[in-house]
Amino acid sequence: MESIQFIGTSPNALANLIDEKIKSQLDELKTKFTLKEPDDFLTRKETAELLKISYVCLHDWCNKGILHPYKMGNKTYFSRKEITETMFNSNKQ
């Protein structure tokens, strides 16, 4: 092992240098890696309740392409993320 001698550096100054370097590395990692939120899927009932609309309106919105349903067997689900994006983008127009 190599030995390193710090002449003229106090223990507190050394600790501060190490802290600064670690913080800069962590900040760099934070900018490169972001956690992705898992996409939550809602049933027809949950979607209608969330949007405060009827099943008929929900069906119409699917036919018009406003919402995109996901079918699994005889079940229908909607992506919460897509619903949020659709509603947010429609308010901008």
Protein backbone atom coordinates (compact mmCIF):
# COMPACT_ATOMS: atom_id res chain seq x y z
CA MET A 1 0.00 0.00 0.00
CA GLU A 2 1.07 3.50 -0.67
CA SER A 3 1.11 5.99 2.12
CA ILE A 4 0.02 9.54 1.53
CA GLN A 5 1.15 12.34 3.77
CA PHE A 6 -0.80 15.55 4.06
CA ILE A 7 1.56 18.20 5.25
CA GLY A 8 -0.02 21.43 6.36
CA THR A 9 -3.58 20.09 6.08
CA SER A 10 -5.69 19.91 9.19
CA PRO A 11 -8.04 16.97 9.74
CA ASN A 12 -11.05 19.29 9.38
CA ALA A 13 -9.77 20.70 6.08
CA LEU A 14 -9.20 17.16 4.79
CA ALA A 15 -12.72 16.13 5.86
CA ASN A 16 -14.16 19.18 4.09
CA LEU A 17 -12.30 18.35 0.87
CA ILE A 18 -13.60 14.79 0.97
CA ASP A 19 -17.16 16.00 1.66
CA GLU A 20 -17.05 18.43 -1.26
CA LYS A 21 -15.80 15.76 -3.65
CA ILE A 22 -18.45 13.26 -2.54
CA LYS A 23 -21.21 15.87 -2.86
CA SER A 24 -20.11 16.79 -6.38
CA GLN A 25 -20.07 13.11 -7.39
CA LEU A 26 -23.55 12.57 -5.92
CA ASP A 27 -24.89 15.63 -7.73
CA GLU A 28 -23.49 14.28 -10.99
CA LEU A 29 -25.13 10.91 -10.37
CA LYS A 30 -28.48 12.57 -9.62
CA THR A 31 -28.44 14.36 -12.96
CA LYS A 32 -27.60 11.19 -14.88
CA PHE A 33 -29.95 8.77 -13.16
CA THR A 34 -33.59 9.46 -12.44
CA LEU A 35 -35.98 6.95 -11.00
CA LYS A 36 -38.86 6.10 -13.24
CA GLU A 37 -42.27 5.98 -11.66
CA PRO A 38 -44.08 2.74 -12.31
CA ASP A 39 -47.11 3.16 -14.53
CA ASP A 40 -50.31 2.57 -12.63
CA PHE A 41 -53.19 0.93 -14.51
CA LEU A 42 -56.78 1.71 -13.61
CA THR A 43 -59.95 -0.25 -14.24
CA ARG A 44 -62.86 1.28 -16.15
CA LYS A 45 -64.60 2.03 -12.86
CA GLU A 46 -61.52 3.71 -11.33
CA THR A 47 -60.95 5.73 -14.51
CA ALA A 48 -64.56 6.90 -14.68
CA GLU A 49 -64.46 7.88 -11.00
CA LEU A 50 -61.12 9.68 -11.41
CA LEU A 51 -62.41 11.70 -14.37
CA LYS A 52 -65.91 12.05 -12.89
CA ILE A 53 -67.53 10.77 -16.08
CA SER A 54 -69.97 7.97 -16.92
CA TYR A 55 -69.08 4.66 -18.55
CA VAL A 56 -70.84 5.88 -21.72
CA CYS A 57 -68.62 8.97 -21.84
CA LEU A 58 -65.55 6.83 -21.16
CA HIS A 59 -66.53 4.57 -24.07
CA ASP A 60 -67.03 7.61 -26.33
CA TRP A 61 -63.62 9.01 -25.39
CA CYS A 62 -62.03 5.66 -26.30
CA ASN A 63 -63.82 5.65 -29.68
CA LYS A 64 -62.70 9.23 -30.36
CA GLY A 65 -59.10 8.38 -29.46
CA ILE A 66 -58.99 10.68 -26.45
CA LEU A 67 -58.11 7.76 -24.16
CA HIS A 68 -56.28 4.58 -25.08
CA PRO A 69 -57.64 1.40 -23.44
CA TYR A 70 -55.48 -1.65 -22.75
CA LYS A 71 -57.25 -4.99 -23.02
CA MET A 72 -56.23 -8.06 -21.03
CA GLY A 73 -58.62 -10.87 -21.73
CA ASN A 74 -62.06 -9.44 -21.08
CA LYS A 75 -60.74 -6.69 -18.79
CA THR A 76 -60.06 -3.10 -19.83
CA TYR A 77 -57.43 -0.91 -18.17
CA PHE A 78 -56.21 2.65 -18.62
CA SER A 79 -52.77 4.08 -17.91
CA ARG A 80 -52.90 6.71 -15.14
CA LYS A 81 -49.84 8.38 -16.69
CA GLU A 82 -51.52 8.64 -20.11
CA ILE A 83 -54.73 9.96 -18.54
CA THR A 84 -52.79 12.65 -16.69
CA GLU A 85 -50.83 13.62 -19.81
CA THR A 86 -54.00 13.70 -21.94
CA MET A 87 -55.89 15.86 -19.48
CA PHE A 88 -52.91 18.17 -18.96
CA ASN A 89 -52.33 18.60 -22.71
CA SER A 90 -56.03 19.19 -23.43
CA ASN A 91 -56.08 22.05 -20.88
CA LYS A 92 -53.21 23.80 -22.71
CA GLN A 93 -55.14 24.08 -25.96
